[in-house]
């Protein structure tokens, strides 16, 4: 029987927003992924959809920055190519009532909405795409992450935007809207020599955006909060499982005895178990 494949554990002092979010949601998953270096046994189709849409949005803004603007036909053709060309073997449709075609259609709908309601009207300048953000917060903690897009409004205001393909808009909590884009904006202030910026979330599926002001004081606050959370994670000695609905999308649910995976949401777990038997 095959074992769950391994990878190198994440460097102890390198902390991304995703790493902290993983610890907050389930310390046991955090331990397996970041401390033991295990690879998840499957990828959810929701994750694949989000990554593919992000890739197409990046392509659209690269094209505009280089002096051209693709029309909607070109955008959808590019999505079609990306969707089929990069299809991974470990991809799982978690919801048994869904199929790959429904997610394919959803991706096209999201991009068409974004193109018509945002892209064609957007006159802002793109400064960076997938910009790596880093900040040493202490001897033990380095923040690292990637900002989807950094730009300037027509009025010259620096902004950072993070694209979301989730079903619902976020809330002010730390692991929804309270930290991620604000951390990227805090790094952008130093990189671009500004005293303030906008940190935004654009919800592609909903066609809505939420923006937050980040000045130097707010930047220090979010970086200090991130440091506090990272240090608490570093000092953790116990990593209990926290079973819940998200277990169905966890790539370790086939080896976790606490995983709560109901019928109808077991597509990933079934795929992982099938692969173990090969």
C-alpha atoms as a PDB file:
ATOM      1  CA  UNK A   1       0.000   0.000   0.000  1.00  0.00           C
ATOM      2  CA  UNK A   2       1.317   3.446  -0.921  1.00  0.00           C
ATOM      3  CA  UNK A   3       2.032   5.928   1.843  1.00  0.00           C
ATOM      4  CA  UNK A   4       1.105   9.593   1.821  1.00  0.00           C
ATOM      5  CA  UNK A   5       4.003  11.201  -0.089  1.00  0.00           C
ATOM      6  CA  UNK A   6       6.252  13.593   1.721  1.00  0.00           C
ATOM      7  CA  UNK A   7       7.768  16.979   1.039  1.00  0.00           C
ATOM      8  CA  UNK A   8      10.173  19.152   2.961  1.00  0.00           C
ATOM      9  CA  UNK A   9       8.667  20.727   6.078  1.00  0.00           C
ATOM     10  CA  UNK A  10       8.152  24.484   5.805  1.00  0.00           C
ATOM     11  CA  UNK A  11      11.086  26.427   7.328  1.00  0.00           C
ATOM     12  CA  UNK A  12      10.263  26.974  10.974  1.00  0.00           C
ATOM     13  CA  UNK A  13      10.453  30.778  10.826  1.00  0.00           C
ATOM     14  CA  UNK A  14       8.620  31.285   7.503  1.00  0.00           C
ATOM     15  CA  UNK A  15       4.977  32.163   8.106  1.00  0.00           C
ATOM     16  CA  UNK A  16       2.382  32.882   5.459  1.00  0.00           C
ATOM     17  CA  UNK A  17      -1.215  33.877   6.062  1.00  0.00           C
ATOM     18  CA  UNK A  18      -2.254  30.412   4.837  1.00  0.00           C
ATOM     19  CA  UNK A  19       0.018  28.737   7.370  1.00  0.00           C
ATOM     20  CA  UNK A  20      -1.527  30.628  10.284  1.00  0.00           C
ATOM     21  CA  UNK A  21      -5.026  30.048   8.941  1.00  0.00           C
ATOM     22  CA  UNK A  22      -4.332  26.314   8.778  1.00  0.00           C
ATOM     23  CA  UNK A  23      -3.295  26.270  12.452  1.00  0.00           C
ATOM     24  CA  UNK A  24      -6.385  28.269  13.427  1.00  0.00           C
ATOM     25  CA  UNK A  25      -8.736  25.911  11.584  1.00  0.00           C
ATOM     26  CA  UNK A  26      -7.100  22.610  12.557  1.00  0.00           C
ATOM     27  CA  UNK A  27      -3.806  22.271  14.462  1.00  0.00           C
ATOM     28  CA  UNK A  28      -3.552  18.594  13.477  1.00  0.00           C
ATOM     29  CA  UNK A  29      -3.663  19.429   9.767  1.00  0.00           C
ATOM     30  CA  UNK A  30      -1.086  22.150  10.425  1.00  0.00           C
ATOM     31  CA  UNK A  31       1.207  19.607  12.067  1.00  0.00           C
ATOM     32  CA  UNK A  32       0.954  17.140   9.176  1.00  0.00           C
ATOM     33  CA  UNK A  33       1.474  19.734   6.449  1.00  0.00           C
ATOM     34  CA  UNK A  34       3.891  22.274   7.880  1.00  0.00           C
ATOM     35  CA  UNK A  35       5.833  20.379  10.559  1.00  0.00           C
ATOM     36  CA  UNK A  36       5.946  16.849   9.145  1.00  0.00           C
ATOM     37  CA  UNK A  37       5.997  17.927   5.503  1.00  0.00           C
ATOM     38  CA  UNK A  38       3.287  15.525   4.328  1.00  0.00           C
ATOM     39  CA  UNK A  39       1.575  16.203   1.029  1.00  0.00           C
ATOM     40  CA  UNK A  40      -2.204  16.262   0.911  1.00  0.00           C
ATOM     41  CA  UNK A  41      -3.612  13.285  -0.975  1.00  0.00           C
ATOM     42  CA  UNK A  42      -5.947  15.293  -3.186  1.00  0.00           C
ATOM     43  CA  UNK A  43      -6.766  18.781  -4.409  1.00  0.00           C
ATOM     44  CA  UNK A  44     -10.342  19.975  -4.365  1.00  0.00           C
ATOM     45  CA  UNK A  45     -11.904  21.197  -7.571  1.00  0.00           C
ATOM     46  CA  UNK A  46     -12.827  24.429  -5.763  1.00  0.00           C
ATOM     47  CA  UNK A  47      -9.131  25.077  -5.172  1.00  0.00           C
ATOM     48  CA  UNK A  48      -8.356  24.239  -8.790  1.00  0.00           C
ATOM     49  CA  UNK A  49     -11.086  26.594  -9.985  1.00  0.00           C
ATOM     50  CA  UNK A  50      -9.751  29.415  -7.817  1.00  0.00           C
ATOM     51  CA  UNK A  51      -6.186  28.933  -9.033  1.00  0.00           C
ATOM     52  CA  UNK A  52      -7.243  28.818 -12.674  1.00  0.00           C
ATOM     53  CA  UNK A  53      -9.344  31.981 -12.388  1.00  0.00           C
ATOM     54  CA  UNK A  54      -6.433  33.734 -10.659  1.00  0.00           C
ATOM     55  CA  UNK A  55      -4.097  32.695 -13.482  1.00  0.00           C
ATOM     56  CA  UNK A  56      -6.464  34.109 -16.098  1.00  0.00           C
ATOM     57  CA  UNK A  57      -6.864  37.401 -14.207  1.00  0.00           C
ATOM     58  CA  UNK A  58      -3.091  37.724 -14.024  1.00  0.00           C
ATOM     59  CA  UNK A  59      -2.861  37.049 -17.779  1.00  0.00           C
ATOM     60  CA  UNK A  60      -5.463  39.744 -18.456  1.00  0.00           C
ATOM     61  CA  UNK A  61      -3.582  42.409 -16.523  1.00  0.00           C
ATOM     62  CA  UNK A  62      -0.205  41.390 -17.937  1.00  0.00           C
ATOM     63  CA  UNK A  63      -1.686  41.859 -21.401  1.00  0.00           C
ATOM     64  CA  UNK A  64      -3.017  45.298 -20.505  1.00  0.00           C
ATOM     65  CA  UNK A  65       0.269  46.340 -18.922  1.00  0.00           C
ATOM     66  CA  UNK A  66       2.039  45.276 -22.105  1.00  0.00           C
ATOM     67  CA  UNK A  67      -0.188  47.469 -24.219  1.00  0.00           C
ATOM     68  CA  UNK A  68      -3.083  45.248 -25.251  1.00  0.00           C
ATOM     69  CA  UNK A  69      -6.458  44.367 -23.770  1.00  0.00           C
ATOM     70  CA  UNK A  70      -7.983  40.984 -24.619  1.00  0.00           C
ATOM     71  CA  UNK A  71     -11.673  40.865 -25.433  1.00  0.00           C
ATOM     72  CA  UNK A  72     -14.074  38.541 -23.647  1.00  0.00           C
ATOM     73  CA  UNK A  73     -13.736  35.856 -26.318  1.00  0.00           C
ATOM     74  CA  UNK A  74      -9.971  35.706 -25.795  1.00  0.00           C
ATOM     75  CA  UNK A  75     -10.402  35.648 -22.020  1.00  0.00           C
ATOM     76  CA  UNK A  76     -12.794  32.704 -22.106  1.00  0.00           C
ATOM     77  CA  UNK A  77     -10.645  30.843 -24.633  1.00  0.00           C
ATOM     78  CA  UNK A  78      -7.646  31.276 -22.365  1.00  0.00           C
ATOM     79  CA  UNK A  79      -9.630  29.960 -19.418  1.00  0.00           C
ATOM     80  CA  UNK A  80     -10.740  26.953 -21.465  1.00  0.00           C
ATOM     81  CA  UNK A  81      -7.130  26.157 -22.351  1.00  0.00           C
ATOM     82  CA  UNK A  82      -5.900  26.542 -18.781  1.00  0.00           C
ATOM     83  CA  UNK A  83      -8.736  24.468 -17.361  1.00  0.00           C
ATOM     84  CA  UNK A  84      -8.048  21.485 -19.606  1.00  0.00           C
ATOM     85  CA  UNK A  85      -4.288  21.729 -20.052  1.00  0.00           C
ATOM     86  CA  UNK A  86      -3.379  21.733 -16.367  1.00  0.00           C
ATOM     87  CA  UNK A  87      -5.844  19.054 -15.205  1.00  0.00           C
ATOM     88  CA  UNK A  88      -4.181  17.228 -12.273  1.00  0.00           C
ATOM     89  CA  UNK A  89      -4.620  13.528 -11.592  1.00  0.00           C
ATOM     90  CA  UNK A  90      -5.230  14.084  -7.876  1.00  0.00           C
ATOM     91  CA  UNK A  91      -8.170  16.429  -8.450  1.00  0.00           C
ATOM     92  CA  UNK A  92     -11.273  15.571  -6.423  1.00  0.00           C
ATOM     93  CA  UNK A  93     -14.887  16.685  -6.775  1.00  0.00           C
ATOM     94  CA  UNK A  94     -15.834  16.679  -3.102  1.00  0.00           C
ATOM     95  CA  UNK A  95     -19.584  17.156  -3.563  1.00  0.00           C
ATOM     96  CA  UNK A  96     -21.033  14.017  -5.135  1.00  0.00           C
ATOM     97  CA  UNK A  97     -23.950  16.047  -6.521  1.00  0.00           C
ATOM     98  CA  UNK A  98     -21.585  18.199  -8.606  1.00  0.00           C
ATOM     99  CA  UNK A  99     -19.453  17.450 -11.631  1.00  0.00           C
ATOM    100  CA  UNK A 100     -16.430  19.068 -13.285  1.00  0.00           C
ATOM    101  CA  UNK A 101     -18.592  20.707 -15.949  1.00  0.00           C
ATOM    102  CA  UNK A 102     -20.516  22.725 -13.372  1.00  0.00           C
ATOM    103  CA  UNK A 103     -17.272  24.230 -12.063  1.00  0.00           C
ATOM    104  CA  UNK A 104     -16.083  24.887 -15.594  1.00  0.00           C
ATOM    105  CA  UNK A 105     -19.266  26.832 -16.316  1.00  0.00           C
ATOM    106  CA  UNK A 106     -18.932  28.687 -13.016  1.00  0.00           C
ATOM    107  CA  UNK A 107     -15.400  29.767 -13.897  1.00  0.00           C
ATOM    108  CA  UNK A 108     -16.552  31.163 -17.229  1.00  0.00           C
ATOM    109  CA  UNK A 109     -19.446  32.983 -15.546  1.00  0.00           C
ATOM    110  CA  UNK A 110     -17.146  34.552 -12.953  1.00  0.00           C
ATOM    111  CA  UNK A 111     -14.668  35.753 -15.550  1.00  0.00           C
ATOM    112  CA  UNK A 112     -17.393  37.135 -17.796  1.00  0.00           C
ATOM    113  CA  UNK A 113     -18.861  39.078 -14.863  1.00  0.00           C
ATOM    114  CA  UNK A 114     -15.441  40.407 -13.865  1.00  0.00           C
ATOM    115  CA  UNK A 115     -14.621  41.389 -17.440  1.00  0.00           C
ATOM    116  CA  UNK A 116     -17.858  43.310 -17.969  1.00  0.00           C
ATOM    117  CA  UNK A 117     -18.199  44.906 -14.539  1.00  0.00           C
ATOM    118  CA  UNK A 118     -14.564  45.555 -13.572  1.00  0.00           C
ATOM    119  CA  UNK A 119     -11.909  45.001 -16.222  1.00  0.00           C
ATOM    120  CA  UNK A 120     -13.341  47.080 -19.073  1.00  0.00           C
ATOM    121  CA  UNK A 121     -13.925  49.993 -16.690  1.00  0.00           C
ATOM    122  CA  UNK A 122     -10.643  49.716 -14.787  1.00  0.00           C
ATOM    123  CA  UNK A 123      -8.257  52.561 -15.596  1.00  0.00           C
ATOM    124  CA  UNK A 124      -5.869  51.945 -12.689  1.00  0.00           C
ATOM    125  CA  UNK A 125      -2.169  51.306 -13.224  1.00  0.00           C
ATOM    126  CA  UNK A 126      -0.718  47.868 -12.521  1.00  0.00           C
ATOM    127  CA  UNK A 127       2.560  47.995 -10.630  1.00  0.00           C
ATOM    128  CA  UNK A 128       3.009  44.348  -9.662  1.00  0.00           C
ATOM    129  CA  UNK A 129       1.263  41.029 -10.215  1.00  0.00           C
ATOM    130  CA  UNK A 130       1.763  38.108  -7.827  1.00  0.00           C
ATOM    131  CA  UNK A 131       4.115  40.349  -5.868  1.00  0.00           C
ATOM    132  CA  UNK A 132       6.119  38.516  -3.233  1.00  0.00           C
ATOM    133  CA  UNK A 133       5.770  40.247   0.136  1.00  0.00           C
ATOM    134  CA  UNK A 134       8.209  39.632   2.969  1.00  0.00           C
ATOM    135  CA  UNK A 135       8.831  41.259   6.324  1.00  0.00           C
ATOM    136  CA  UNK A 136      11.102  40.120   9.155  1.00  0.00           C
ATOM    137  CA  UNK A 137       9.006  40.573  12.284  1.00  0.00           C
ATOM    138  CA  UNK A 138      11.399  39.053  14.824  1.00  0.00           C
ATOM    139  CA  UNK A 139      14.313  36.657  15.017  1.00  0.00           C
ATOM    140  CA  UNK A 140      11.806  33.811  14.989  1.00  0.00           C
ATOM    141  CA  UNK A 141       9.229  35.035  12.475  1.00  0.00           C
ATOM    142  CA  UNK A 142       9.372  36.151   8.856  1.00  0.00           C
ATOM    143  CA  UNK A 143       6.096  37.008   7.148  1.00  0.00           C
ATOM    144  CA  UNK A 144       5.867  35.925   3.524  1.00  0.00           C
ATOM    145  CA  UNK A 145       3.086  35.922   0.946  1.00  0.00           C
ATOM    146  CA  UNK A 146       2.013  36.924  -2.551  1.00  0.00           C
ATOM    147  CA  UNK A 147      -0.248  39.857  -3.392  1.00  0.00           C
ATOM    148  CA  UNK A 148      -2.482  39.204  -6.394  1.00  0.00           C
ATOM    149  CA  UNK A 149      -2.231  42.744  -7.759  1.00  0.00           C
ATOM    150  CA  UNK A 150      -0.583  45.977  -6.640  1.00  0.00           C
ATOM    151  CA  UNK A 151      -1.459  49.178  -8.455  1.00  0.00           C
ATOM    152  CA  UNK A 152      -2.374  52.839  -8.354  1.00  0.00           C
ATOM    153  CA  UNK A 153      -5.777  54.367  -8.829  1.00  0.00           C
ATOM    154  CA  UNK A 154      -6.261  57.174 -11.345  1.00  0.00           C
ATOM    155  CA  UNK A 155      -5.890  59.541  -8.380  1.00  0.00           C
ATOM    156  CA  UNK A 156      -2.503  58.048  -7.551  1.00  0.00           C
ATOM    157  CA  UNK A 157      -3.494  56.025  -4.476  1.00  0.00           C
ATOM    158  CA  UNK A 158      -1.517  52.839  -3.904  1.00  0.00           C
ATOM    159  CA  UNK A 159      -3.687  49.728  -3.573  1.00  0.00           C
ATOM    160  CA  UNK A 160      -3.394  45.984  -3.081  1.00  0.00           C
ATOM    161  CA  UNK A 161      -6.212  43.666  -4.090  1.00  0.00           C
ATOM    162  CA  UNK A 162      -6.734  40.001  -3.296  1.00  0.00           C
ATOM    163  CA  UNK A 163      -9.135  38.012  -5.478  1.00  0.00           C
ATOM    164  CA  UNK A 164     -11.586  35.575  -3.887  1.00  0.00           C
ATOM    165  CA  UNK A 165     -13.744  32.964  -5.609  1.00  0.00           C
ATOM    166  CA  UNK A 166     -15.659  31.939  -2.483  1.00  0.00           C
ATOM    167  CA  UNK A 167     -19.447  31.767  -2.300  1.00  0.00           C
ATOM    168  CA  UNK A 168     -19.692  34.414   0.404  1.00  0.00           C
ATOM    169  CA  UNK A 169     -18.089  37.738   1.138  1.00  0.00           C
ATOM    170  CA  UNK A 170     -15.734  37.926   4.080  1.00  0.00           C
ATOM    171  CA  UNK A 171     -16.208  39.429   7.515  1.00  0.00           C
ATOM    172  CA  UNK A 172     -13.935  41.537   9.751  1.00  0.00           C
ATOM    173  CA  UNK A 173     -12.432  38.516  11.537  1.00  0.00           C
ATOM    174  CA  UNK A 174      -8.683  37.974  11.330  1.00  0.00           C
ATOM    175  CA  UNK A 175      -8.841  34.923   9.099  1.00  0.00           C
ATOM    176  CA  UNK A 176     -11.381  36.418   6.725  1.00  0.00           C
ATOM    177  CA  UNK A 177     -10.734  40.072   5.885  1.00  0.00           C
ATOM    178  CA  UNK A 178      -8.906  41.208   8.985  1.00  0.00           C
ATOM    179  CA  UNK A 179      -5.316  40.352   8.036  1.00  0.00           C
ATOM    180  CA  UNK A 180      -4.412  38.991   4.599  1.00  0.00           C
ATOM    181  CA  UNK A 181      -4.713  41.933   2.189  1.00  0.00           C
ATOM    182  CA  UNK A 182      -3.801  44.338   4.987  1.00  0.00           C
ATOM    183  CA  UNK A 183      -0.515  42.492   5.508  1.00  0.00           C
ATOM    184  CA  UNK A 184       0.255  42.763   1.800  1.00  0.00           C
ATOM    185  CA  UNK A 185      -0.558  46.466   1.893  1.00  0.00           C
ATOM    186  CA  UNK A 186       1.735  46.925   4.912  1.00  0.00           C
ATOM    187  CA  UNK A 187       4.601  45.447   2.902  1.00  0.00           C
ATOM    188  CA  UNK A 188       3.685  47.545  -0.152  1.00  0.00           C
ATOM    189  CA  UNK A 189       3.999  50.762   1.878  1.00  0.00           C
ATOM    190  CA  UNK A 190       7.704  50.131   2.420  1.00  0.00           C
ATOM    191  CA  UNK A 191       8.318  48.789  -1.072  1.00  0.00           C
ATOM    192  CA  UNK A 192       6.768  51.850  -2.749  1.00  0.00           C
ATOM    193  CA  UNK A 193       7.645  54.481  -0.162  1.00  0.00           C
ATOM    194  CA  UNK A 194       4.060  55.418   0.711  1.00  0.00           C
ATOM    195  CA  UNK A 195       2.358  56.394   3.966  1.00  0.00           C
ATOM    196  CA  UNK A 196      -1.025  54.892   3.137  1.00  0.00           C
ATOM    197  CA  UNK A 197      -2.670  52.417   0.804  1.00  0.00           C
ATOM    198  CA  UNK A 198      -5.944  50.642   0.140  1.00  0.00           C
ATOM    199  CA  UNK A 199      -6.210  46.920   0.886  1.00  0.00           C
ATOM    200  CA  UNK A 200      -9.060  45.271  -0.978  1.00  0.00           C
ATOM    201  CA  UNK A 201     -10.831  41.988  -1.546  1.00  0.00           C
ATOM    202  CA  UNK A 202     -12.686  41.421  -4.797  1.00  0.00           C
ATOM    203  CA  UNK A 203     -15.227  38.605  -4.652  1.00  0.00           C
ATOM    204  CA  UNK A 204     -15.259  37.354  -8.224  1.00  0.00           C
ATOM    205  CA  UNK A 205     -18.328  35.146  -7.839  1.00  0.00           C
ATOM    206  CA  UNK A 206     -20.377  37.906  -6.211  1.00  0.00           C
ATOM    207  CA  UNK A 207     -19.078  40.874  -8.192  1.00  0.00           C
ATOM    208  CA  UNK A 208     -18.415  42.889  -5.023  1.00  0.00           C
ATOM    209  CA  UNK A 209     -15.370  44.507  -3.403  1.00  0.00           C
ATOM    210  CA  UNK A 210     -14.478  45.521   0.148  1.00  0.00           C
ATOM    211  CA  UNK A 211     -11.719  48.051   0.811  1.00  0.00           C
ATOM    212  CA  UNK A 212      -9.757  48.928   3.951  1.00  0.00           C
ATOM    213  CA  UNK A 213      -7.512  51.912   4.635  1.00  0.00           C
ATOM    214  CA  UNK A 214      -3.999  51.018   5.758  1.00  0.00           C
ATOM    215  CA  UNK A 215      -1.738  53.793   7.051  1.00  0.00           C
ATOM    216  CA  UNK A 216       1.569  53.355   8.861  1.00  0.00           C
ATOM    217  CA  UNK A 217      -0.105  52.888  12.245  1.00  0.00           C
ATOM    218  CA  UNK A 218      -2.525  50.291  10.894  1.00  0.00           C
ATOM    219  CA  UNK A 219       0.353  48.537   9.125  1.00  0.00           C
ATOM    220  CA  UNK A 220       2.253  48.211  12.407  1.00  0.00           C
ATOM    221  CA  UNK A 221      -0.864  46.895  14.109  1.00  0.00           C
ATOM    222  CA  UNK A 222      -1.511  44.118  11.595  1.00  0.00           C
ATOM    223  CA  UNK A 223       2.154  43.101  11.426  1.00  0.00           C
ATOM    224  CA  UNK A 224       2.343  42.972  15.231  1.00  0.00           C
ATOM    225  CA  UNK A 225      -0.860  40.944  15.365  1.00  0.00           C
ATOM    226  CA  UNK A 226       0.527  38.515  12.808  1.00  0.00           C
ATOM    227  CA  UNK A 227       3.733  38.231  14.859  1.00  0.00           C
ATOM    228  CA  UNK A 228       1.730  37.459  18.007  1.00  0.00           C
ATOM    229  CA  UNK A 229      -0.235  34.723  16.244  1.00  0.00           C
ATOM    230  CA  UNK A 230       2.886  33.230  14.649  1.00  0.00           C
ATOM    231  CA  UNK A 231       4.732  33.126  17.976  1.00  0.00           C
ATOM    232  CA  UNK A 232       1.768  31.392  19.608  1.00  0.00           C
ATOM    233  CA  UNK A 233       1.887  28.827  16.802  1.00  0.00           C
ATOM    234  CA  UNK A 234       5.631  28.333  17.247  1.00  0.00           C
ATOM    235  CA  UNK A 235       5.165  27.770  20.973  1.00  0.00           C
ATOM    236  CA  UNK A 236       2.334  25.263  20.551  1.00  0.00           C
ATOM    237  CA  UNK A 237       3.040  21.817  21.982  1.00  0.00           C
ATOM    238  CA  UNK A 238      -0.299  20.157  21.254  1.00  0.00           C
ATOM    239  CA  UNK A 239      -2.000  19.867  17.874  1.00  0.00           C
ATOM    240  CA  UNK A 240      -5.535  18.560  18.343  1.00  0.00           C
ATOM    241  CA  UNK A 241      -7.816  17.829  15.423  1.00  0.00           C
ATOM    242  CA  UNK A 242     -10.781  20.157  15.057  1.00  0.00           C
ATOM    243  CA  UNK A 243     -13.326  18.164  13.053  1.00  0.00           C
ATOM    244  CA  UNK A 244     -15.997  20.011  11.119  1.00  0.00           C
ATOM    245  CA  UNK A 245     -17.446  20.562   7.673  1.00  0.00           C
ATOM    246  CA  UNK A 246     -14.035  21.540   6.259  1.00  0.00           C
ATOM    247  CA  UNK A 247     -12.792  17.988   6.875  1.00  0.00           C
ATOM    248  CA  UNK A 248     -14.371  17.002   3.564  1.00  0.00           C
ATOM    249  CA  UNK A 249     -11.916  19.273   1.732  1.00  0.00           C
ATOM    250  CA  UNK A 250      -8.851  18.280   3.761  1.00  0.00           C
ATOM    251  CA  UNK A 251      -6.323  16.151   1.903  1.00  0.00           C
ATOM    252  CA  UNK A 252      -5.482  14.279   5.110  1.00  0.00           C
ATOM    253  CA  UNK A 253      -9.028  13.124   5.888  1.00  0.00           C
ATOM    254  CA  UNK A 254      -8.210   9.553   4.844  1.00  0.00           C
ATOM    255  CA  UNK A 255      -5.608   9.217   7.627  1.00  0.00           C
ATOM    256  CA  UNK A 256      -7.280  11.303  10.338  1.00  0.00           C
ATOM    257  CA  UNK A 257      -9.431   9.258  12.698  1.00  0.00           C
ATOM    258  CA  UNK A 258     -11.290  12.396  13.761  1.00  0.00           C
ATOM    259  CA  UNK A 259     -12.300  13.532  10.261  1.00  0.00           C
ATOM    260  CA  UNK A 260     -16.011  14.281   9.938  1.00  0.00           C
ATOM    261  CA  UNK A 261     -16.855  13.550   6.308  1.00  0.00           C
ATOM    262  CA  UNK A 262     -20.560  13.031   5.622  1.00  0.00           C
ATOM    263  CA  UNK A 263     -22.015  11.127   2.703  1.00  0.00           C
ATOM    264  CA  UNK A 264     -22.331  13.429  -0.262  1.00  0.00           C
ATOM    265  CA  UNK A 265     -19.086  15.230   0.587  1.00  0.00           C
ATOM    266  CA  UNK A 266     -16.735  12.257   0.443  1.00  0.00           C
ATOM    267  CA  UNK A 267     -15.376  12.625  -3.088  1.00  0.00           C
ATOM    268  CA  UNK A 268     -11.912  13.601  -1.883  1.00  0.00           C
ATOM    269  CA  UNK A 269     -11.724  10.969   0.807  1.00  0.00           C
ATOM    270  CA  UNK A 270     -12.809   8.265  -1.627  1.00  0.00           C
ATOM    271  CA  UNK A 271     -10.188   9.309  -4.171  1.00  0.00           C
ATOM    272  CA  UNK A 272      -7.459   9.303  -1.524  1.00  0.00           C
ATOM    273  CA  UNK A 273      -8.392   5.818  -0.349  1.00  0.00           C
ATOM    274  CA  UNK A 274      -8.531   4.510  -3.908  1.00  0.00           C
ATOM    275  CA  UNK A 275      -5.048   5.848  -4.602  1.00  0.00           C
ATOM    276  CA  UNK A 276      -3.704   4.239  -1.432  1.00  0.00           C
ATOM    277  CA  UNK A 277      -4.910   0.859  -2.667  1.00  0.00           C
ATOM    278  CA  UNK A 278      -3.159   1.121  -6.027  1.00  0.00           C
END
